[in-house]
Protein backbone atom coordinates (compact mmCIF):
# COMPACT_ATOMS: atom_id res chain seq x y z
CA MET A 1 9.12 -7.19 -18.17
CA LEU A 2 7.50 -6.52 -14.80
CA SER A 3 3.76 -5.97 -15.03
CA SER A 4 4.11 -3.01 -12.66
CA LEU A 5 6.01 -1.29 -15.47
CA ARG A 6 3.44 -2.02 -18.16
CA PRO A 7 0.88 0.68 -19.09
CA ARG A 8 -2.63 -0.22 -18.04
CA SER A 9 -4.71 -1.59 -20.90
CA ALA A 10 -7.51 0.53 -22.32
CA SER A 11 -10.10 -2.03 -21.23
CA LEU A 12 -9.00 -1.88 -17.60
CA LEU A 13 -8.98 1.90 -17.65
CA THR A 14 -12.54 1.85 -18.90
CA ALA A 15 -13.51 -0.50 -16.09
CA LEU A 16 -12.23 1.77 -13.36
CA PRO A 17 -15.03 4.06 -12.14
CA SER A 18 -14.68 7.82 -12.33
CA THR A 19 -14.84 9.37 -8.89
CA SER A 20 -15.52 13.00 -9.78
CA PRO A 21 -16.92 14.97 -12.70
CA ALA A 22 -13.56 16.62 -13.44
CA VAL A 23 -11.73 13.84 -15.31
CA ARG A 24 -8.03 14.27 -16.13
CA PRO A 25 -6.85 14.16 -19.75
CA ALA A 26 -6.34 10.65 -21.13
CA ALA A 27 -2.63 11.35 -21.54
CA ALA A 28 -2.30 11.64 -17.77
CA ILE A 29 -4.52 8.68 -16.95
CA LYS A 30 -3.03 6.13 -19.37
CA THR A 31 0.27 6.04 -17.52
CA ALA A 32 -1.21 4.37 -14.42
CA ARG A 33 -0.19 0.77 -13.78
CA PRO A 34 -1.34 -2.04 -11.49
CA PHE A 35 0.53 -2.65 -8.23
CA SER A 36 2.27 -5.88 -9.19
CA THR A 37 5.71 -7.19 -9.90
CA THR A 38 4.60 -10.59 -11.17
CA THR A 39 6.33 -11.46 -14.42
CA LEU A 40 3.98 -12.24 -17.31
CA LEU A 41 6.57 -14.20 -19.30
CA ASN A 42 6.04 -17.47 -17.43
CA GLN A 43 2.78 -17.29 -15.53
CA LYS A 44 2.93 -20.93 -14.42
CA SER A 45 6.34 -20.42 -12.84
CA ALA A 46 5.17 -17.13 -11.30
CA ASP A 47 2.15 -18.86 -9.75
CA THR A 48 4.38 -21.47 -8.15
CA THR A 49 6.86 -18.93 -6.81
CA HIS A 50 4.49 -16.15 -5.83
CA ASN A 51 1.51 -18.29 -4.82
CA PRO A 52 2.89 -21.48 -3.23
CA THR A 53 0.38 -23.97 -1.86
CA ILE A 54 0.16 -23.48 1.89
CA LEU A 55 -0.89 -26.26 4.27
CA LEU A 56 -4.28 -24.63 4.77
CA GLN A 57 -5.00 -25.04 1.03
CA ASP A 58 -3.75 -28.61 0.72
CA LYS A 59 -6.84 -30.79 1.06
CA GLU A 60 -5.08 -34.09 0.33
CA ASN A 61 -1.88 -33.96 2.36
CA GLY A 62 -2.10 -30.78 4.41
CA MET A 63 -4.61 -29.03 6.63
CA GLY A 64 -7.21 -28.23 4.02
CA PHE A 65 -9.76 -30.05 6.18
CA ALA A 66 -10.06 -26.87 8.28
CA ARG A 67 -12.44 -24.09 7.25
CA SER A 68 -10.77 -20.93 5.96
CA ASN A 69 -11.58 -17.95 3.77
CA PRO A 70 -10.25 -18.21 0.19
CA ARG A 71 -7.87 -15.42 -0.79
CA PRO A 72 -7.20 -14.05 -4.29
CA LYS A 73 -3.91 -15.06 -5.86
CA LYS A 74 -1.15 -12.52 -6.34
CA PRO A 75 -1.12 -10.05 -7.94
CA ARG A 76 -4.15 -8.98 -5.89
CA MET A 77 -6.26 -5.85 -6.23
CA LYS A 78 -8.17 -6.40 -2.98
CA GLY A 79 -7.21 -7.78 0.38
CA VAL A 80 -3.74 -6.36 -0.30
CA THR A 81 -1.13 -6.41 2.48
CA GLU A 82 1.76 -3.97 2.27
CA ILE A 83 4.44 -4.33 4.94
CA ARG A 84 6.89 -1.91 6.49
CA GLY A 85 10.49 -2.89 5.85
CA PRO A 86 13.51 -1.58 7.77
CA TYR A 87 12.66 1.35 10.01
CA TYR A 88 11.97 0.40 13.61
CA SER A 89 14.24 -2.61 13.14
CA VAL A 90 17.10 -3.37 10.75
CA MET A 91 16.37 -5.66 7.78
CA GLY A 92 19.02 -7.28 5.62
CA LYS A 93 18.84 -9.82 2.79
CA ARG A 94 18.83 -12.86 5.07
CA TYR A 95 16.14 -11.37 7.31
CA LEU A 96 13.90 -10.48 4.35
CA ALA A 97 14.53 -13.88 2.76
CA ASP A 98 13.25 -15.56 5.93
CA VAL A 99 10.14 -13.38 5.89
CA LEU A 100 9.32 -13.96 2.22
CA GLU A 101 10.29 -17.63 2.01
CA THR A 102 7.87 -18.41 4.81
CA MET A 103 5.11 -15.76 4.44
CA GLY A 104 5.68 -14.31 0.96
CA ALA A 105 2.37 -15.68 -0.31
CA HIS A 106 0.61 -13.25 2.03
CA VAL A 107 2.71 -10.16 1.21
CA ASP A 108 1.92 -7.90 -1.74
CA GLY A 109 4.14 -4.88 -1.15
CA LEU A 110 7.25 -3.82 0.76
CA LYS A 111 7.66 -0.20 1.85
CA PHE A 112 10.86 1.52 2.95
CA ALA A 113 9.40 4.05 5.40
CA GLY A 114 10.50 7.68 5.26
CA GLY A 115 13.93 7.99 3.68
CA SER A 116 15.26 4.78 5.24
CA PHE A 117 16.41 3.43 1.88
CA SER A 118 18.92 6.29 1.51
CA LEU A 119 20.90 4.93 4.49
CA PHE A 120 21.74 1.65 2.74
CA PRO A 121 24.84 0.90 0.71
CA GLU A 122 23.56 0.59 -2.86
CA LYS A 123 24.48 -3.09 -3.29
CA GLN A 124 22.56 -4.17 -0.19
CA LEU A 125 19.51 -2.09 -1.13
CA ARG A 126 19.41 -3.60 -4.62
CA GLU A 127 19.58 -7.06 -3.08
CA LEU A 128 16.48 -6.36 -0.96
CA ILE A 129 14.54 -4.93 -3.90
CA ASP A 130 15.49 -7.83 -6.20
CA LEU A 131 14.53 -10.35 -3.50
CA ALA A 132 11.11 -8.76 -3.10
CA HIS A 133 10.52 -8.92 -6.86
CA GLU A 134 11.48 -12.61 -6.90
CA HIS A 135 8.57 -13.21 -4.54
CA GLY A 136 6.06 -11.12 -6.51
CA VAL A 137 6.22 -8.21 -4.08
CA TYR A 138 6.18 -4.62 -5.32
CA VAL A 139 8.60 -2.18 -3.64
CA SER A 140 7.58 1.29 -2.49
CA THR A 141 9.48 4.27 -1.18
CA GLY A 142 8.24 6.01 1.93
CA GLY A 143 7.17 9.63 1.89
CA TRP A 144 10.71 11.00 1.45
CA ALA A 145 9.48 13.18 -1.40
CA GLU A 146 8.09 15.41 1.33
CA HIS A 147 11.64 16.13 2.50
CA LEU A 148 12.80 16.82 -1.07
CA LEU A 149 10.04 19.38 -1.59
CA THR A 150 11.73 21.62 1.00
CA HIS A 151 14.88 21.89 -1.16
CA ALA A 152 15.88 24.69 -3.49
CA ASN A 153 15.65 23.69 -7.17
CA THR A 154 12.83 21.32 -6.31
CA GLU A 155 12.19 20.15 -9.88
CA SER A 156 15.83 19.23 -10.43
CA VAL A 157 16.09 17.43 -7.08
CA PHE A 158 12.84 15.51 -7.64
CA GLU A 159 13.94 14.52 -11.15
CA LYS A 160 17.20 13.08 -9.79
CA TYR A 161 15.24 11.27 -7.09
CA LEU A 162 12.91 9.58 -9.57
CA LEU A 163 15.73 8.60 -11.91
CA LYS A 164 17.67 6.99 -9.07
CA CYS A 165 14.58 5.20 -7.69
CA LYS A 166 13.88 3.85 -11.17
CA ASP A 167 17.49 2.71 -11.53
CA LEU A 168 17.40 0.96 -8.13
CA GLY A 169 14.27 -0.98 -9.07
CA PHE A 170 11.57 0.75 -7.02
CA ASP A 171 8.06 0.29 -8.42
CA VAL A 172 6.08 2.78 -6.32
CA ILE A 173 6.79 6.35 -5.20
CA GLU A 174 4.84 7.45 -2.15
CA LEU A 175 3.84 11.12 -2.10
CA SER A 176 2.88 12.64 1.25
CA SER A 177 2.59 16.12 2.71
CA GLY A 178 1.76 15.58 6.37
CA PHE A 179 4.16 18.31 7.41
CA LEU A 180 3.62 20.64 4.43
CA SER A 181 0.95 22.98 3.11
CA PHE A 182 0.77 21.83 -0.48
CA PRO A 183 -1.73 22.86 -3.22
CA ALA A 184 -3.71 20.09 -4.90
CA SER A 185 -2.66 21.28 -8.36
CA ASP A 186 1.01 20.88 -7.44
CA TRP A 187 0.32 17.43 -6.03
CA LEU A 188 -1.28 16.47 -9.36
CA ARG A 189 1.80 17.70 -11.19
CA LEU A 190 3.94 15.49 -8.95
CA ILE A 191 1.71 12.50 -9.80
CA ASP A 192 2.05 13.17 -13.52
CA THR A 193 5.82 13.50 -13.13
CA VAL A 194 6.06 10.15 -11.34
CA HIS A 195 3.92 8.46 -14.00
CA SER A 196 5.98 10.01 -16.78
CA HIS A 197 8.98 8.07 -15.41
CA ASN A 198 6.99 4.83 -15.71
CA LEU A 199 6.73 4.58 -11.93
CA ILE A 200 3.58 4.27 -9.82
CA ALA A 201 2.45 7.23 -7.73
CA LYS A 202 0.95 6.43 -4.33
CA PRO A 203 -0.32 9.59 -2.60
CA GLU A 204 -0.76 9.42 1.17
CA LEU A 205 -3.75 11.33 2.52
CA GLY A 206 -4.89 12.10 6.03
CA ILE A 207 -6.76 14.58 8.19
CA GLN A 208 -3.94 15.38 10.62
CA PHE A 209 -1.44 18.15 9.87
CA GLY A 210 1.94 17.14 11.29
CA ALA A 211 1.27 13.42 10.70
CA GLY A 212 4.13 11.08 10.00
CA GLY A 213 6.46 11.99 12.85
CA ASP A 214 4.92 9.92 15.66
CA THR A 215 3.93 13.11 17.49
CA SER A 216 2.06 12.75 20.78
CA ALA A 217 -1.74 12.78 20.82
CA GLY A 218 -1.78 15.99 22.88
CA GLU A 219 0.43 17.88 20.44
CA LEU A 220 -1.55 16.68 17.43
CA ALA A 221 -4.83 17.62 19.13
CA ALA A 222 -3.50 21.13 19.68
CA ILE A 223 -2.77 21.43 15.95
CA GLY A 224 -6.24 20.19 15.01
CA THR A 225 -7.50 18.16 12.05
CA SER A 226 -8.90 19.05 8.65
CA ASP A 227 -12.38 18.24 7.40
CA PRO A 228 -12.64 14.69 5.94
CA GLY A 229 -14.25 16.27 2.89
CA LYS A 230 -10.85 17.66 1.92
CA LEU A 231 -9.38 14.15 1.92
CA ILE A 232 -12.28 12.83 -0.17
CA ASN A 233 -11.98 15.66 -2.70
CA LEU A 234 -8.22 15.15 -3.10
CA GLY A 235 -8.67 11.39 -3.32
CA ARG A 236 -11.15 11.72 -6.17
CA GLN A 237 -8.83 14.04 -8.06
CA PHE A 238 -5.89 11.67 -7.61
CA LEU A 239 -7.84 8.60 -8.72
CA ASP A 240 -9.02 10.45 -11.82
CA ALA A 241 -5.37 11.36 -12.47
CA GLY A 242 -4.63 7.66 -12.86
CA VAL A 243 -3.55 6.81 -9.33
CA GLU A 244 -4.02 3.11 -8.63
CA ARG A 245 -4.28 3.21 -4.85
CA LEU A 246 -4.34 5.82 -2.08
CA MET A 247 -2.64 5.36 1.29
CA ILE A 248 -4.59 6.68 4.27
CA GLU A 249 -2.42 8.02 7.10
CA SER A 250 -3.39 6.59 10.49
CA GLU A 251 -2.33 9.54 12.66
CA GLY A 252 -5.38 11.59 13.52
CA ILE A 253 -7.67 8.62 12.77
CA THR A 254 -6.54 5.55 14.74
CA GLU A 255 -3.01 6.50 15.84
CA ASN A 256 -1.98 9.08 18.46
CA VAL A 257 -5.59 10.08 19.16
CA LYS A 258 -7.63 9.96 22.35
CA SER A 259 -10.49 8.22 20.52
CA TRP A 260 -10.59 6.67 17.06
CA ARG A 261 -12.19 8.67 14.24
CA THR A 262 -14.20 5.76 12.86
CA ASP A 263 -16.52 8.31 11.25
CA VAL A 264 -13.67 9.36 8.95
CA VAL A 265 -13.02 5.76 7.90
CA SER A 266 -16.72 5.22 7.20
CA THR A 267 -16.82 8.37 5.05
CA ILE A 268 -13.79 7.21 3.06
CA MET A 269 -15.33 3.77 2.48
CA LYS A 270 -18.59 5.35 1.41
CA GLU A 271 -17.13 7.94 -0.95
CA LEU A 272 -14.09 6.17 -2.47
CA PRO A 273 -13.77 2.67 -4.03
CA MET A 274 -12.54 0.27 -1.34
CA GLU A 275 -10.12 -1.57 -3.63
CA ARG A 276 -8.36 1.70 -4.42
CA VAL A 277 -7.73 2.69 -0.81
CA MET A 278 -5.22 1.26 1.68
CA PHE A 279 -5.29 2.04 5.40
CA GLU A 280 -2.22 2.34 7.57
CA ALA A 281 -2.98 -0.04 10.45
CA ALA A 282 0.26 -1.12 12.12
CA ASP A 283 -1.39 -2.00 15.43
CA PRO A 284 -3.15 -5.33 16.13
CA LYS A 285 -6.28 -3.72 17.57
CA VAL A 286 -6.52 -1.43 14.53
CA TYR A 287 -6.24 -4.07 11.80
CA ASN A 288 -8.49 -6.37 13.81
CA TRP A 289 -11.12 -3.59 13.72
CA TYR A 290 -10.70 -2.99 9.97
CA VAL A 291 -11.15 -6.68 9.13
CA ARG A 292 -14.10 -6.95 11.52
CA GLU A 293 -15.84 -3.90 10.07
CA PHE A 294 -15.00 -4.22 6.36
CA GLY A 295 -14.16 -7.87 5.81
CA VAL A 296 -11.25 -9.78 4.35
CA ASP A 297 -10.86 -7.57 1.26
CA VAL A 298 -9.81 -4.36 3.00
CA ASN A 299 -6.30 -3.23 1.95
CA LEU A 300 -3.93 -2.72 4.90
CA PHE A 301 -0.41 -1.52 5.63
CA VAL A 302 1.18 -3.21 8.65
CA ASP A 303 4.61 -3.87 10.11
CA HIS A 304 6.46 -6.91 8.79
CA ALA A 305 6.22 -8.46 12.28
CA GLN A 306 2.41 -8.50 11.93
CA ILE A 307 1.98 -10.47 8.68
CA VAL A 308 1.07 -13.76 10.33
CA GLN A 309 -1.53 -12.37 12.73
CA LEU A 310 -3.20 -10.33 9.99
CA GLU A 311 -3.35 -13.28 7.60
CA CYS A 312 -4.87 -15.46 10.34
CA LEU A 313 -7.59 -12.81 10.65
CA ARG A 314 -8.18 -12.63 6.89
CA ARG A 315 -8.35 -16.41 6.62
CA GLY A 316 -10.75 -16.59 9.56
CA ILE A 317 -8.68 -19.18 11.40
CA TRP A 318 -7.84 -17.09 14.48
CA GLY A 319 -8.65 -13.72 15.98
CA MET A 320 -9.40 -11.64 19.02
CA ALA A 321 -12.47 -11.93 21.22
CA ASP A 322 -14.59 -9.97 18.75
CA THR A 323 -13.30 -11.70 15.58
CA PHE A 324 -12.48 -15.30 16.53
CA GLY A 325 -14.69 -17.55 14.41
CA LYS A 326 -16.61 -14.55 13.04
CA VAL A 327 -14.63 -13.48 9.92
CA VAL A 328 -16.22 -15.34 6.99
CA SER A 329 -16.69 -15.03 3.24
CA TYR A 330 -18.86 -16.56 0.49
CA ARG A 331 -16.75 -17.22 -2.60
CA PRO A 332 -15.08 -20.07 -4.48
CA GLU A 333 -11.39 -20.94 -4.23
CA GLU A 334 -9.39 -19.31 -7.03
């Protein structure tokens, strides 16, 4: 059984810090699960498949003579890298196999942006999802739920959506509302509904209304942004509802803006647990900044074409002018 489909143990729930005084009922919280698709039936085999020894780790016959930052083994709870799958480019089974056979050790999650997965023939989509699981990679929808919320008979439509996603093998359901005005209480009901189907809810939060459509900086500026306190308040409520990890939308913060809102990022890092937040950062200058400012353990969402450069940064073996030779850690090898 996939660990992503196992209820979180009581001990782990106790270990997770509460982030606001208004704690959700235990019945809602206990359904949360870790982001992982690593099988627990044969851990030794899983370690070999999901965590192969790379040359940089091989001190006897490889390139372990070079200094590098140790990274946690998969399934990781920090320093997580989620990648964008097919969206700006097509991705089939052979393409994804090449990506994961070579760089799968550095990939934790695969996301089908927007509603891209609905364009696939079912057989080919299942092949991609199964392939990701074979490499210990969880599979997430994009924020297509936002489109479904505009339908009549919303509850019926959303129920069918979750049942089909479960049947296809998805692990994570992203919930966003960049284009919608959506009450927090309704968002919490959506989270509970996702968890009740033994799936993982991943809310996406941001400060920019109209985010998610690659709108120009001028148009987004005309719309304006919300106070970061709103994001923090929602984030606390969602974490207390049993959400494992929040996705932070880049538009309005580091994407399609005239100047980066680093103050918003600093507020998020101060007010929410770092290991339970992931930042959208599909631009080399952006993820370079995140690693420089917050270290190797920051959770990031990037394009699949950016895996290698990001992992070089995390390992401290390459970088840009402001990070080359400067990204370090103090920890033992796992």
